[in-house]
Amino acid sequence: MFKILVLAIGFALSTNLAAQNIFAVQNNQKIWEAKDRHDLVYTDLILNKGKDSQKITALKGLLSWHDTGLRAPILEQLKSKNAEVCRSAIEAMGQSRDSFYIPFLINFIEHSSNLNLQKTSLQALGKCITKSKVHELTERNYHKLSGFAECVYRAMLKGVGHKSLTSKMIDLWKAENLESQFYAAWYLARTPHRLDSQSIKLIDLNGLNQWPSDIGIPLIMAIGRANMAAKDSQSVYPLILNYINSMPKLADQSECLKAISIYKVLSYYKPITDSSQYQIITNRAGVIYPALQLAHSELLAKSCATIQTLPTFTYNPAKVNLLKLADCNALPLVLNPSNPTYDIIWQMQVMENDFTKFQIIRRVLLDNPEPAVKSAAIEALIKCRNSIAYQDEPLGSFEELLFTVLKTGDEGVLSIIANAILDKQITVSAKVSNQLIEMQASLELPQEMEAFIDIAKVKAMVSNTV
């Protein structure tokens, strides 16, 4: 009896799983195979004569297959009485990014009584719209329709924008619909049509600490990117400081992201002369999150010459951000001892802009066998080589050093030197580049594939310049 019960349960579960798996049906397998083969004839046949479930499968396959030869049968699905067929067709239009569908989507938006499909159509329209057709968004009264905010956001991602759309998105922000606010905030953070001082006044900055992070962060970014004149920044700057000072203790690390965004925004304005003017944001236990310390140090690094007070940094990378800058040498910062390997890596980063430490870094590179240390040392040496103090030094000694370390075959060193050449951080002789290319054959694949690819790019660059 027990065995029978187990078999019955197993059969029920397998039947349920088969029902959930669309590829358990043989016809669905054929539809997907047709997509993989770009079989227009079979796909067209399914869209014209297949069952609704088969049409949906075919249309979902088209989300990753864009072919103008299927325009007519896709458009035909807009007449379907099955809402899911219609939705799948609209989504396929949007994924195609094909401007051909613009007038059909507009017609559907204006005549459909199905609000969900209308919203899907607006989303697709944003993906298909072009610069020459942007007036379809600016002149039509769509801003009250659900989905319009995402439509404008999708258009902006394609580089299609207009200053009047920025005004519409500010209105959508004020409409207090969470979904519209989300897309409006991210649009304002990324659009080239930036906020002006009047637009910022329309946004209630005093409500900053009440915004959820996924809305507050992009809007804070938008304010920071506004590039306001000095007279405008004076009115916003105190509000941002007030936000920091009124911010509650961070409940968890996710809240940290919004605080980091605030520090980024502060860097757009006047230099920080006294960090005691705003409180240091901590969690409920009074601890400053490492990521927040890092953002804080990046902000203060721009003001080392004028800074009067420092927060208590406990995170070594945050200290390194300051210690590696000449203007910050006088600050009372000392790295905390920890893991010996990390201690050396942080010291390499502190020395990377100081040419007087070149020989120390060189010795670490040649003598320390730890791969992570070697990588940090070669990165520091390359930055030293590019410092102003080194420009008058003979190139030969640096070239010989590169030639020597390349022959060690260290994967990290090979990759870093290859990328430095590709990014034009350093210029090397044929002797060095040939040695780098020769070392490609010594790499173990697939474990050292990244370095192999980096060297292949250098090889291609050298071949093109010969």
Protein backbone atom coordinates (compact mmCIF):
# COMPACT_ATOMS: atom_id res chain seq x y z
CA MET A 1 0.00 0.00 0.00
CA PHE A 2 2.84 2.36 0.90
CA LYS A 3 4.57 1.68 -2.44
CA ILE A 4 1.35 2.40 -4.32
CA LEU A 5 0.94 5.70 -2.45
CA VAL A 6 4.54 6.71 -3.25
CA LEU A 7 4.07 5.86 -6.94
CA ALA A 8 0.81 7.82 -7.05
CA ILE A 9 2.45 10.89 -5.50
CA GLY A 10 5.43 10.58 -7.88
CA PHE A 11 3.10 10.33 -10.88
CA ALA A 12 1.15 13.40 -9.72
CA LEU A 13 4.34 15.40 -9.23
CA SER A 14 5.76 14.39 -12.61
CA THR A 15 2.46 15.25 -14.31
CA ASN A 16 2.44 18.65 -12.60
CA LEU A 17 6.07 19.35 -13.61
CA ALA A 18 5.29 18.35 -17.20
CA ALA A 19 2.38 20.77 -17.20
CA GLN A 20 4.71 23.54 -16.04
CA ASN A 21 7.40 22.69 -18.61
CA ILE A 22 6.28 23.96 -22.01
CA PHE A 23 9.02 21.93 -23.70
CA ALA A 24 7.45 18.69 -22.52
CA VAL A 25 5.10 19.18 -25.49
CA GLN A 26 6.74 18.07 -28.75
CA ASN A 27 5.21 20.88 -30.83
CA ASN A 28 6.71 23.44 -28.47
CA GLN A 29 10.12 21.86 -28.98
CA LYS A 30 9.68 22.24 -32.75
CA ILE A 31 8.65 25.90 -32.34
CA TRP A 32 11.76 26.67 -30.32
CA GLU A 33 14.00 24.76 -32.70
CA ALA A 34 12.54 26.83 -35.53
CA LYS A 35 13.53 29.96 -33.61
CA ASP A 36 17.09 28.65 -33.23
CA ARG A 37 17.26 27.87 -36.98
CA HIS A 38 15.67 31.20 -37.93
CA ASP A 39 13.01 29.18 -39.71
CA LEU A 40 10.69 31.93 -40.94
CA VAL A 41 8.35 29.58 -42.79
CA TYR A 42 7.52 27.34 -39.81
CA THR A 43 7.27 30.27 -37.38
CA ASP A 44 4.97 32.13 -39.78
CA LEU A 45 2.82 28.99 -40.05
CA ILE A 46 2.47 28.79 -36.26
CA LEU A 47 1.59 32.48 -35.94
CA ASN A 48 -1.10 32.13 -38.60
CA LYS A 49 -2.60 28.71 -37.89
CA GLY A 50 -1.28 27.51 -34.54
CA LYS A 51 -3.17 27.27 -31.28
CA ASP A 52 -3.03 30.23 -28.92
CA SER A 53 -0.58 28.43 -26.63
CA GLN A 54 1.68 27.69 -29.61
CA LYS A 55 1.52 31.31 -30.77
CA ILE A 56 2.55 32.50 -27.32
CA THR A 57 5.53 30.13 -27.34
CA ALA A 58 6.58 31.33 -30.79
CA LEU A 59 6.20 35.00 -29.85
CA LYS A 60 8.24 34.55 -26.67
CA GLY A 61 10.94 32.97 -28.80
CA LEU A 62 10.97 36.10 -30.94
CA LEU A 63 12.03 38.17 -27.92
CA SER A 64 15.59 37.21 -28.84
CA TRP A 65 15.12 36.93 -32.60
CA HIS A 66 14.40 40.09 -34.55
CA ASP A 67 13.40 39.60 -38.18
CA THR A 68 11.43 42.07 -40.31
CA GLY A 69 10.04 39.14 -42.30
CA LEU A 70 7.63 38.43 -39.47
CA ARG A 71 6.18 41.93 -39.12
CA ALA A 72 2.81 41.09 -40.71
CA PRO A 73 2.01 37.93 -38.66
CA ILE A 74 3.11 39.67 -35.44
CA LEU A 75 0.80 42.61 -36.15
CA GLU A 76 -2.02 40.19 -36.87
CA GLN A 77 -1.85 38.99 -33.24
CA LEU A 78 -3.06 42.40 -32.04
CA LYS A 79 -6.50 41.32 -33.23
CA SER A 80 -6.47 38.19 -31.05
CA LYS A 81 -9.19 37.82 -28.44
CA ASN A 82 -6.64 36.07 -26.22
CA ALA A 83 -5.01 38.78 -24.10
CA GLU A 84 -1.85 36.73 -23.51
CA VAL A 85 -1.32 36.25 -27.26
CA CYS A 86 -1.75 39.98 -27.73
CA ARG A 87 0.62 40.80 -24.88
CA SER A 88 3.30 38.43 -26.23
CA ALA A 89 3.07 40.08 -29.66
CA ILE A 90 3.45 43.55 -28.15
CA GLU A 91 6.46 42.44 -26.10
CA ALA A 92 8.05 40.97 -29.23
CA MET A 93 7.58 44.34 -30.99
CA GLY A 94 9.27 46.14 -28.14
CA GLN A 95 12.21 43.74 -27.99
CA SER A 96 12.74 44.17 -31.74
CA ARG A 97 13.40 47.93 -31.25
CA ASP A 98 11.87 48.24 -34.74
CA SER A 99 10.55 51.74 -35.50
CA PHE A 100 8.16 50.16 -38.05
CA TYR A 101 5.81 49.31 -35.17
CA ILE A 102 5.51 52.89 -33.81
CA PRO A 103 2.23 53.87 -35.56
CA PHE A 104 0.63 50.50 -34.77
CA LEU A 105 1.55 50.74 -31.10
CA ILE A 106 0.20 54.29 -30.92
CA ASN A 107 -3.05 53.20 -32.55
CA PHE A 108 -3.37 50.32 -30.09
CA ILE A 109 -2.66 52.58 -27.10
CA GLU A 110 -5.36 55.01 -28.13
CA HIS A 111 -8.04 52.46 -28.97
CA SER A 112 -7.51 49.56 -26.57
CA SER A 113 -9.85 49.26 -23.60
CA ASN A 114 -7.52 46.79 -21.86
CA LEU A 115 -5.45 48.92 -19.47
CA ASN A 116 -2.84 46.19 -18.91
CA LEU A 117 -2.23 45.79 -22.65
CA GLN A 118 -2.19 49.56 -23.02
CA LYS A 119 0.58 49.70 -20.42
CA THR A 120 2.56 46.95 -22.20
CA SER A 121 2.17 48.89 -25.46
CA LEU A 122 3.59 52.05 -23.89
CA GLN A 123 6.58 50.09 -22.64
CA ALA A 124 7.13 48.69 -26.14
CA LEU A 125 6.73 52.15 -27.68
CA GLY A 126 9.55 53.46 -25.51
CA LYS A 127 11.82 50.74 -26.86
CA CYS A 128 10.90 51.41 -30.50
CA ILE A 129 10.75 55.22 -30.53
CA THR A 130 13.37 57.16 -32.51
CA LYS A 131 14.71 60.71 -32.34
CA SER A 132 12.72 61.68 -35.42
CA LYS A 133 9.54 60.39 -33.76
CA VAL A 134 10.08 61.80 -30.27
CA HIS A 135 7.22 64.26 -30.89
CA GLU A 136 4.88 61.26 -30.53
CA LEU A 137 5.82 61.29 -26.84
CA THR A 138 6.01 65.04 -26.30
CA GLU A 139 2.80 66.03 -28.08
CA ARG A 140 0.41 63.24 -27.09
CA ASN A 141 -1.41 63.32 -23.78
CA TYR A 142 -0.04 60.05 -22.45
CA HIS A 143 1.43 61.23 -19.15
CA LYS A 144 -1.66 60.15 -17.20
CA LEU A 145 -1.51 56.59 -18.57
CA SER A 146 0.07 53.77 -16.58
CA GLY A 147 3.32 52.79 -18.26
CA PHE A 148 4.20 56.21 -19.66
CA ALA A 149 7.00 56.78 -17.14
CA GLU A 150 8.68 53.52 -18.17
CA CYS A 151 8.05 54.42 -21.82
CA VAL A 152 10.00 57.68 -21.47
CA TYR A 153 12.72 55.96 -19.43
CA ARG A 154 13.17 53.26 -22.11
CA ALA A 155 13.34 55.95 -24.78
CA MET A 156 16.02 57.80 -22.83
CA LEU A 157 18.13 54.62 -22.65
CA LYS A 158 18.10 54.62 -26.47
CA GLY A 159 19.28 58.23 -26.54
CA VAL A 160 15.83 59.58 -27.39
CA GLY A 161 14.97 62.52 -25.17
CA HIS A 162 13.62 66.04 -25.02
CA LYS A 163 13.57 68.74 -22.36
CA SER A 164 9.77 68.68 -22.31
CA LEU A 165 9.94 64.98 -21.36
CA THR A 166 12.03 65.97 -18.35
CA SER A 167 9.20 68.31 -17.30
CA LYS A 168 6.68 65.50 -17.75
CA MET A 169 8.81 63.19 -15.60
CA ILE A 170 8.96 65.79 -12.83
CA ASP A 171 5.15 65.92 -12.96
CA LEU A 172 5.05 62.11 -12.72
CA TRP A 173 7.36 62.27 -9.71
CA LYS A 174 4.90 64.60 -7.99
CA ALA A 175 1.96 62.31 -8.84
CA GLU A 176 3.00 60.01 -5.95
CA ASN A 177 2.55 56.78 -7.86
CA LEU A 178 5.41 54.55 -6.69
CA GLU A 179 6.02 52.90 -10.07
CA SER A 180 5.97 56.23 -11.91
CA GLN A 181 8.22 57.77 -9.27
CA PHE A 182 10.70 54.92 -9.69
CA TYR A 183 11.08 55.40 -13.46
CA ALA A 184 10.91 59.19 -13.19
CA ALA A 185 13.72 59.22 -10.61
CA TRP A 186 15.99 57.00 -12.69
CA TYR A 187 15.20 59.00 -15.82
CA LEU A 188 16.16 62.24 -14.05
CA ALA A 189 19.38 60.62 -12.82
CA ARG A 190 20.49 59.58 -16.31
CA THR A 191 19.01 61.97 -18.85
CA PRO A 192 21.30 64.51 -20.56
CA HIS A 193 18.44 67.03 -20.16
CA ARG A 194 19.39 67.80 -16.58
CA LEU A 195 17.42 69.50 -13.87
CA ASP A 196 17.62 73.25 -13.57
CA SER A 197 17.28 75.13 -10.28
CA GLN A 198 13.56 75.74 -10.86
CA SER A 199 12.96 72.03 -11.43
CA ILE A 200 14.78 71.16 -8.22
CA LYS A 201 12.53 73.51 -6.29
CA LEU A 202 9.55 71.47 -7.52
CA ILE A 203 11.02 68.40 -5.82
CA ASP A 204 10.59 68.38 -2.07
CA LEU A 205 14.19 68.04 -0.89
CA ASN A 206 13.03 68.28 2.69
CA GLY A 207 11.45 64.87 2.21
CA LEU A 208 14.74 63.19 1.28
CA ASN A 209 14.93 61.03 4.38
CA GLN A 210 11.44 59.62 3.73
CA TRP A 211 12.23 58.25 0.26
CA PRO A 212 12.97 54.54 -0.16
CA SER A 213 16.49 53.87 -1.44
CA ASP A 214 15.48 52.75 -4.95
CA ILE A 215 13.82 56.14 -5.49
CA GLY A 216 15.96 58.35 -3.29
CA ILE A 217 19.32 57.27 -4.72
CA PRO A 218 18.61 58.17 -8.38
CA LEU A 219 16.93 61.44 -7.43
CA ILE A 220 19.91 62.41 -5.29
CA MET A 221 22.12 61.58 -8.29
CA ALA A 222 19.96 63.79 -10.49
CA ILE A 223 20.39 66.71 -8.10
CA GLY A 224 24.14 66.14 -8.01
CA ARG A 225 24.40 66.09 -11.81
CA ALA A 226 22.39 69.27 -12.24
CA ASN A 227 25.57 71.37 -12.62
CA MET A 228 23.90 74.34 -11.03
CA ALA A 229 25.50 77.77 -10.85
CA ALA A 230 27.08 78.76 -7.54
CA LYS A 231 24.07 80.82 -6.46
CA ASP A 232 21.81 77.81 -7.00
CA SER A 233 24.08 75.34 -5.24
CA GLN A 234 24.02 77.47 -2.10
CA SER A 235 20.29 76.86 -1.76
CA VAL A 236 20.56 73.09 -2.25
CA TYR A 237 23.79 72.40 -0.35
CA PRO A 238 22.34 73.17 3.12
CA LEU A 239 19.38 70.90 2.39
CA ILE A 240 21.71 68.01 1.56
CA LEU A 241 23.70 68.60 4.74
CA ASN A 242 20.44 68.78 6.66
CA TYR A 243 19.44 65.44 5.19
CA ILE A 244 22.66 63.82 6.45
CA ASN A 245 22.26 65.35 9.88
CA SER A 246 18.64 64.23 10.17
CA MET A 247 19.28 60.76 8.81
CA PRO A 248 18.46 58.09 11.37
CA LYS A 249 20.89 55.37 12.35
CA LEU A 250 21.18 52.90 9.49
CA ALA A 251 19.01 49.87 10.11
CA ASP A 252 20.95 47.65 7.71
CA GLN A 253 23.59 47.75 5.01
CA SER A 254 21.09 48.42 2.21
CA GLU A 255 20.36 51.83 3.72
CA CYS A 256 24.06 52.53 3.32
CA LEU A 257 23.61 52.97 -0.44
CA LYS A 258 21.51 56.09 -0.05
CA ALA A 259 24.07 57.63 2.31
CA ILE A 260 26.87 56.84 -0.18
CA SER A 261 24.88 58.65 -2.88
CA ILE A 262 24.68 61.70 -0.64
CA TYR A 263 28.46 61.77 -0.26
CA LYS A 264 28.81 61.51 -4.05
CA VAL A 265 26.46 64.46 -4.49
CA LEU A 266 28.38 66.55 -1.97
CA SER A 267 31.47 66.15 -4.12
CA TYR A 268 29.77 68.15 -6.89
CA TYR A 269 29.67 71.22 -4.69
CA LYS A 270 32.18 73.27 -2.74
CA PRO A 271 35.19 71.59 -1.07
CA ILE A 272 34.68 70.18 2.42
CA THR A 273 36.61 72.31 4.91
CA ASP A 274 35.21 70.85 8.10
CA SER A 275 33.63 67.41 8.12
CA SER A 276 32.29 68.04 11.62
CA GLN A 277 29.52 70.12 10.02
CA TYR A 278 27.69 66.87 9.30
CA GLN A 279 27.32 63.78 11.42
CA ILE A 280 29.04 60.52 10.54
CA ILE A 281 26.36 58.04 9.56
CA THR A 282 26.60 54.76 11.47
CA ASN A 283 24.50 51.70 12.04
CA ARG A 284 22.55 51.18 15.24
CA ALA A 285 25.63 49.76 16.95
CA GLY A 286 27.57 52.93 16.16
CA VAL A 287 29.71 51.23 13.49
CA ILE A 288 30.50 52.98 10.18
CA TYR A 289 30.03 50.52 7.31
CA PRO A 290 33.22 49.97 5.25
CA ALA A 291 31.50 51.03 2.02
CA LEU A 292 30.39 54.27 3.68
CA GLN A 293 33.91 54.92 4.99
CA LEU A 294 35.21 54.43 1.45
CA ALA A 295 32.72 56.93 -0.03
CA HIS A 296 33.45 59.36 2.78
CA SER A 297 37.20 59.19 2.16
CA GLU A 298 36.71 59.73 -1.59
CA LEU A 299 34.80 62.91 -0.76
CA LEU A 300 37.43 64.17 1.68
CA ALA A 301 40.28 63.31 -0.71
CA LYS A 302 39.21 66.26 -2.86
CA SER A 303 39.68 68.63 0.07
CA CYS A 304 42.85 67.45 1.84
CA ALA A 305 44.50 70.87 1.57
CA THR A 306 41.70 72.53 3.54
CA ILE A 307 40.28 69.77 5.76
CA GLN A 308 40.38 70.57 9.46
CA THR A 309 38.85 67.49 11.07
CA LEU A 310 38.66 63.81 10.17
CA PRO A 311 36.20 61.08 11.08
CA THR A 312 37.57 57.98 12.78
CA PHE A 313 38.32 55.68 9.87
CA THR A 314 38.83 52.00 10.74
CA TYR A 315 38.72 50.60 7.19
CA ASN A 316 42.19 50.50 5.65
CA PRO A 317 41.14 51.02 1.99
CA ALA A 318 39.41 54.25 3.10
CA LYS A 319 42.66 55.39 4.72
CA VAL A 320 44.60 54.43 1.58
CA ASN A 321 42.37 56.75 -0.48
CA LEU A 322 43.80 59.64 1.54
CA LEU A 323 47.33 58.48 2.33
CA LYS A 324 48.26 57.98 -1.33
CA LEU A 325 47.64 61.68 -2.09
CA ALA A 326 50.41 64.21 -1.56
CA ASP A 327 47.99 66.82 -0.18
CA CYS A 328 46.86 64.36 2.49
CA ASN A 329 50.29 63.40 3.84
CA ALA A 330 49.87 65.61 6.89
CA LEU A 331 46.65 63.94 8.00
CA PRO A 332 46.90 61.83 11.20
CA LEU A 333 46.16 58.46 9.59
CA VAL A 334 47.87 55.13 10.26
CA LEU A 335 47.02 51.83 8.61
CA ASN A 336 45.77 49.14 10.93
CA PRO A 337 47.88 45.94 10.92
CA SER A 338 45.96 42.91 9.68
CA ASN A 339 46.77 40.09 7.28
CA PRO A 340 50.46 40.42 6.17
CA THR A 341 49.57 40.09 2.49
CA TYR A 342 46.92 42.82 2.65
CA ASP A 343 49.27 45.03 4.68
CA ILE A 344 51.81 44.97 1.83
CA ILE A 345 49.13 45.52 -0.83
CA TRP A 346 47.83 48.59 0.97
CA GLN A 347 51.36 49.92 1.32
CA MET A 348 51.84 49.48 -2.43
CA GLN A 349 48.69 51.52 -3.05
CA VAL A 350 49.85 54.25 -0.67
CA MET A 351 53.18 54.49 -2.52
CA GLU A 352 51.81 54.34 -6.07
CA ASN A 353 51.91 58.12 -6.68
CA ASP A 354 55.25 58.69 -4.95
CA PHE A 355 58.23 58.26 -7.27
CA THR A 356 60.65 58.33 -4.34
CA LYS A 357 59.23 54.92 -3.34
CA PHE A 358 59.91 53.39 -6.76
CA GLN A 359 62.86 51.27 -5.64
CA ILE A 360 60.94 49.96 -2.60
CA ILE A 361 58.06 48.86 -4.82
CA ARG A 362 60.53 47.33 -7.30
CA ARG A 363 62.11 45.22 -4.58
CA VAL A 364 58.69 43.95 -3.41
CA LEU A 365 57.81 43.02 -6.98
CA LEU A 366 61.00 41.02 -7.49
CA ASP A 367 61.28 39.41 -4.06
CA ASN A 368 57.73 38.66 -2.87
CA PRO A 369 56.34 35.40 -4.32
CA GLU A 370 52.70 36.13 -3.38
CA PRO A 371 50.71 36.61 -6.67
CA ALA A 372 48.36 39.24 -5.17
CA VAL A 373 51.34 41.25 -3.91
CA LYS A 374 53.08 41.04 -7.29
CA SER A 375 49.92 42.35 -8.99
CA ALA A 376 49.65 45.27 -6.55
CA ALA A 377 53.35 46.06 -6.98
CA ILE A 378 53.31 46.11 -10.79
CA GLU A 379 50.20 48.33 -10.75
CA ALA A 380 51.96 50.73 -8.36
CA LEU A 381 55.13 50.75 -10.49
CA ILE A 382 53.17 51.60 -13.64
CA LYS A 383 51.53 54.53 -11.85
CA CYS A 384 54.92 55.64 -10.53
CA ARG A 385 56.31 55.50 -14.07
CA ASN A 386 53.55 57.84 -15.21
CA SER A 387 54.10 60.36 -12.42
CA ILE A 388 55.51 63.77 -13.31
CA ALA A 389 58.65 63.11 -11.26
CA TYR A 390 59.55 60.12 -13.41
CA GLN A 391 59.14 61.74 -16.80
CA ASP A 392 62.79 62.83 -16.99
CA GLU A 393 64.11 59.42 -15.95
CA PRO A 394 65.62 57.13 -18.61
CA LEU A 395 63.17 54.58 -19.97
CA GLY A 396 65.72 51.77 -20.14
CA SER A 397 65.68 50.75 -16.47
CA PHE A 398 61.89 50.49 -16.43
CA GLU A 399 61.93 48.50 -19.67
CA GLU A 400 64.46 46.06 -18.26
CA LEU A 401 62.33 45.62 -15.16
CA LEU A 402 59.25 44.85 -17.27
CA PHE A 403 61.26 42.40 -19.38
CA THR A 404 62.48 40.63 -16.22
CA VAL A 405 59.07 40.27 -14.55
CA LEU A 406 57.42 39.14 -17.78
CA LYS A 407 59.73 36.13 -17.90
CA THR A 408 58.40 34.97 -14.51
CA GLY A 409 55.13 34.09 -16.25
CA ASP A 410 52.96 35.35 -13.38
CA GLU A 411 49.41 35.46 -14.75
CA GLY A 412 48.36 38.60 -12.89
CA VAL A 413 51.51 40.51 -13.89
CA LEU A 414 51.11 39.51 -17.54
CA SER A 415 47.48 40.64 -17.58
CA ILE A 416 48.19 43.97 -15.86
CA ILE A 417 51.06 44.84 -18.21
CA ALA A 418 48.98 43.83 -21.23
CA ASN A 419 46.11 46.08 -20.16
CA ALA A 420 48.48 48.96 -19.39
CA ILE A 421 49.76 48.71 -22.97
CA LEU A 422 46.23 48.48 -24.39
CA ASP A 423 45.06 51.48 -22.34
CA LYS A 424 48.19 53.43 -23.34
CA GLN A 425 49.26 53.83 -19.71
CA ILE A 426 52.72 52.79 -20.85
CA THR A 427 54.54 52.66 -24.15
CA VAL A 428 56.95 49.75 -24.56
CA SER A 429 59.62 48.70 -27.03
CA ALA A 430 59.29 45.77 -29.41
CA LYS A 431 61.55 43.78 -27.08
CA VAL A 432 59.04 44.03 -24.23
CA SER A 433 55.91 43.49 -26.34
CA ASN A 434 57.50 40.47 -28.04
CA GLN A 435 58.40 38.99 -24.66
CA LEU A 436 54.80 39.50 -23.49
CA ILE A 437 53.43 37.80 -26.60
CA GLU A 438 55.92 34.94 -26.23
CA MET A 439 54.70 34.30 -22.67
CA GLN A 440 51.19 33.60 -23.96
CA ALA A 441 52.27 30.08 -24.90
CA SER A 442 53.24 29.33 -21.26
CA LEU A 443 49.75 29.99 -19.88
CA GLU A 444 47.61 27.08 -18.73
CA LEU A 445 44.15 26.98 -20.28
CA PRO A 446 41.40 27.39 -19.34
CA GLN A 447 42.62 28.44 -15.87
CA GLU A 448 44.60 31.42 -17.19
CA MET A 449 42.27 32.34 -20.04
CA GLU A 450 41.89 35.99 -18.93
CA ALA A 451 45.61 36.73 -19.31
CA PHE A 452 45.66 34.74 -22.58
CA ILE A 453 42.93 36.98 -24.03
CA ASP A 454 44.61 40.19 -22.81
CA ILE A 455 47.87 39.20 -24.50
CA ALA A 456 45.97 38.26 -27.68
CA LYS A 457 44.60 41.83 -27.78
CA VAL A 458 48.13 43.23 -27.48
CA LYS A 459 49.26 40.90 -30.25
CA ALA A 460 46.46 42.15 -32.51
CA MET A 461 47.31 45.78 -31.69
CA VAL A 462 51.00 45.24 -32.47
CA SER A 463 50.11 43.53 -35.76
CA ASN A 464 47.90 46.46 -36.80
CA THR A 465 50.62 49.02 -36.11
CA VAL A 466 53.37 47.20 -38.01
